[in-house]
Protein backbone atom coordinates (compact mmCIF):
# COMPACT_ATOMS: atom_id res chain seq x y z
CA MET A 1 -0.14 -0.28 0.00
CA PRO A 2 1.72 3.42 -0.99
CA ARG A 3 2.06 5.61 2.62
CA SER A 4 -0.19 7.26 4.29
CA LEU A 5 -1.53 10.60 3.05
CA ASP A 6 -1.58 12.24 6.57
CA GLY A 7 -0.04 15.56 6.16
CA LEU A 8 0.48 15.59 3.09
CA VAL A 9 -0.46 18.74 0.96
CA LEU A 10 -1.80 18.00 -2.76
CA ALA A 11 -2.60 20.27 -6.08
CA PRO A 12 -3.88 19.88 -8.95
CA VAL A 13 -1.94 19.60 -12.08
CA ALA A 14 -3.82 21.61 -14.13
CA ASP A 15 -6.66 23.73 -13.96
CA GLN A 16 -10.49 22.51 -14.36
CA ALA A 17 -13.06 24.54 -15.92
CA PRO A 18 -14.18 27.69 -14.38
CA GLY A 19 -15.34 27.87 -11.04
CA GLN A 20 -13.90 25.14 -10.01
CA VAL A 21 -10.75 23.64 -8.26
CA GLY A 22 -7.59 24.64 -10.42
CA THR A 23 -3.44 24.83 -9.59
CA ARG A 24 -3.76 27.41 -7.02
CA THR A 25 -6.09 24.83 -5.07
CA ARG A 26 -4.19 23.05 -2.09
CA PHE A 27 -5.75 19.96 -0.45
CA THR A 28 -4.38 19.71 3.20
CA TYR A 29 -5.45 15.57 3.69
CA HIS A 30 -5.55 13.60 7.25
CA GLU A 31 -5.49 10.11 7.41
CA LYS A 32 -6.59 7.62 10.11
CA SER A 33 -7.81 3.83 10.01
CA GLY A 34 -8.93 3.85 7.01
CA GLU A 35 -10.18 7.08 6.96
CA ILE A 36 -9.53 9.72 5.28
CA TRP A 37 -10.58 13.90 5.09
CA ALA A 38 -9.32 17.08 4.08
CA GLU A 39 -9.49 21.28 3.49
CA TYR A 40 -8.96 22.39 0.31
CA THR A 41 -8.79 26.59 -0.37
CA GLY A 42 -7.64 28.65 -3.21
CA GLY A 43 -8.34 29.45 -6.79
CA ASP A 44 -11.90 30.00 -7.16
CA VAL A 45 -12.95 28.10 -3.57
CA VAL A 46 -12.84 29.71 -0.78
CA ARG A 47 -13.89 27.15 1.48
CA GLY A 48 -13.91 23.27 0.95
CA HIS A 49 -14.32 19.60 2.78
CA LEU A 50 -13.54 16.29 1.59
CA VAL A 51 -14.65 13.40 3.68
CA GLY A 52 -14.34 9.59 3.03
CA THR A 53 -12.46 5.71 2.78
CA ARG A 54 -9.24 4.10 1.76
CA GLU A 55 -9.22 1.03 1.32
CA GLY A 56 -5.62 0.14 -0.14
CA ASP A 57 -4.81 2.30 -2.74
CA ARG A 58 -8.43 3.21 -3.47
CA LEU A 59 -10.06 6.43 -2.12
CA ASP A 60 -13.94 6.97 -2.24
CA PHE A 61 -15.03 10.54 -0.83
CA ARG A 62 -17.42 13.45 -0.67
CA TYR A 63 -16.67 16.85 -1.27
CA VAL A 64 -18.49 20.20 -0.55
CA GLN A 65 -17.09 23.27 -1.67
CA LEU A 66 -18.11 27.14 -1.08
CA LYS A 67 -17.15 29.74 -4.29
CA HIS A 68 -16.07 32.86 -4.06
CA ASP A 69 -19.66 34.01 -5.45
CA GLY A 70 -21.41 32.27 -2.53
CA THR A 71 -22.75 29.42 -4.59
CA THR A 72 -21.77 26.06 -2.99
CA SER A 73 -21.67 22.44 -4.85
CA SER A 74 -20.99 19.15 -4.18
CA GLY A 75 -20.19 15.42 -5.36
CA HIS A 76 -18.76 12.40 -5.34
CA CYS A 77 -14.89 11.12 -6.27
CA VAL A 78 -13.10 7.67 -6.32
CA SER A 79 -8.92 7.94 -6.76
CA THR A 80 -6.18 5.79 -7.27
CA VAL A 81 -3.21 6.69 -4.78
CA VAL A 82 0.45 6.41 -6.87
CA GLU A 83 3.61 6.91 -5.42
CA LEU A 84 5.79 8.97 -8.10
CA PRO A 85 9.15 8.02 -8.73
CA ASP A 86 10.70 11.19 -7.09
CA GLY A 87 8.63 9.58 -3.73
CA ARG A 88 5.77 12.14 -3.70
CA VAL A 89 2.20 11.06 -4.25
CA ARG A 90 -0.47 11.68 -6.90
CA LEU A 91 -3.89 10.78 -7.09
CA GLU A 92 -5.94 9.95 -10.12
CA GLU A 93 -9.45 11.27 -9.71
CA SER A 94 -12.58 10.08 -11.07
CA TRP A 95 -15.36 12.35 -10.01
CA GLU A 96 -19.16 13.53 -10.55
CA TRP A 97 -20.95 16.68 -9.78
CA GLU A 98 -24.15 15.54 -7.51
CA SER A 99 -25.25 19.18 -6.95
CA GLN A 100 -25.12 20.14 -10.71
CA GLN A 101 -24.40 18.61 -13.75
CA GLY A 102 -20.95 17.63 -14.84
CA SER A 103 -18.27 14.57 -14.30
CA GLY A 104 -14.77 14.29 -15.20
CA THR A 105 -11.08 13.19 -14.04
CA SER A 106 -7.90 14.78 -12.77
CA VAL A 107 -4.78 14.91 -11.30
CA VAL A 108 -3.23 16.47 -8.00
CA GLU A 109 0.28 15.59 -6.96
CA GLN A 110 2.03 16.58 -3.64
CA VAL A 111 3.65 19.68 -3.32
CA THR A 112 6.52 20.40 -1.52
CA VAL A 113 7.39 23.12 0.81
CA HIS A 114 8.75 25.65 -1.93
CA ASP A 115 5.44 25.10 -4.29
CA ARG A 116 2.78 25.75 -1.05
């Protein structure tokens, strides 16, 4: 099993559609006994939270977020945890909005201290 996500900061490698997470968004992950959760902020997102479970290298979670325009949205995501050759962590994600139309894939990677 890839290493724990607890305390790691991850960021998308590319921008999504306007009003969604992007390269300026930072996710701070926590993990304990198969539970995962994170807070995120940056870009169009004022505040976001995710909560779910981890089994091996698979994450399954729901997310909610508040955007700068005052709107909220929520969805579901399944991610695969991959350890990169340089030791950092990557999440390869498949997500779908539940509060609106839309779905897609994205990649987030662990950022180093100077990239935060």
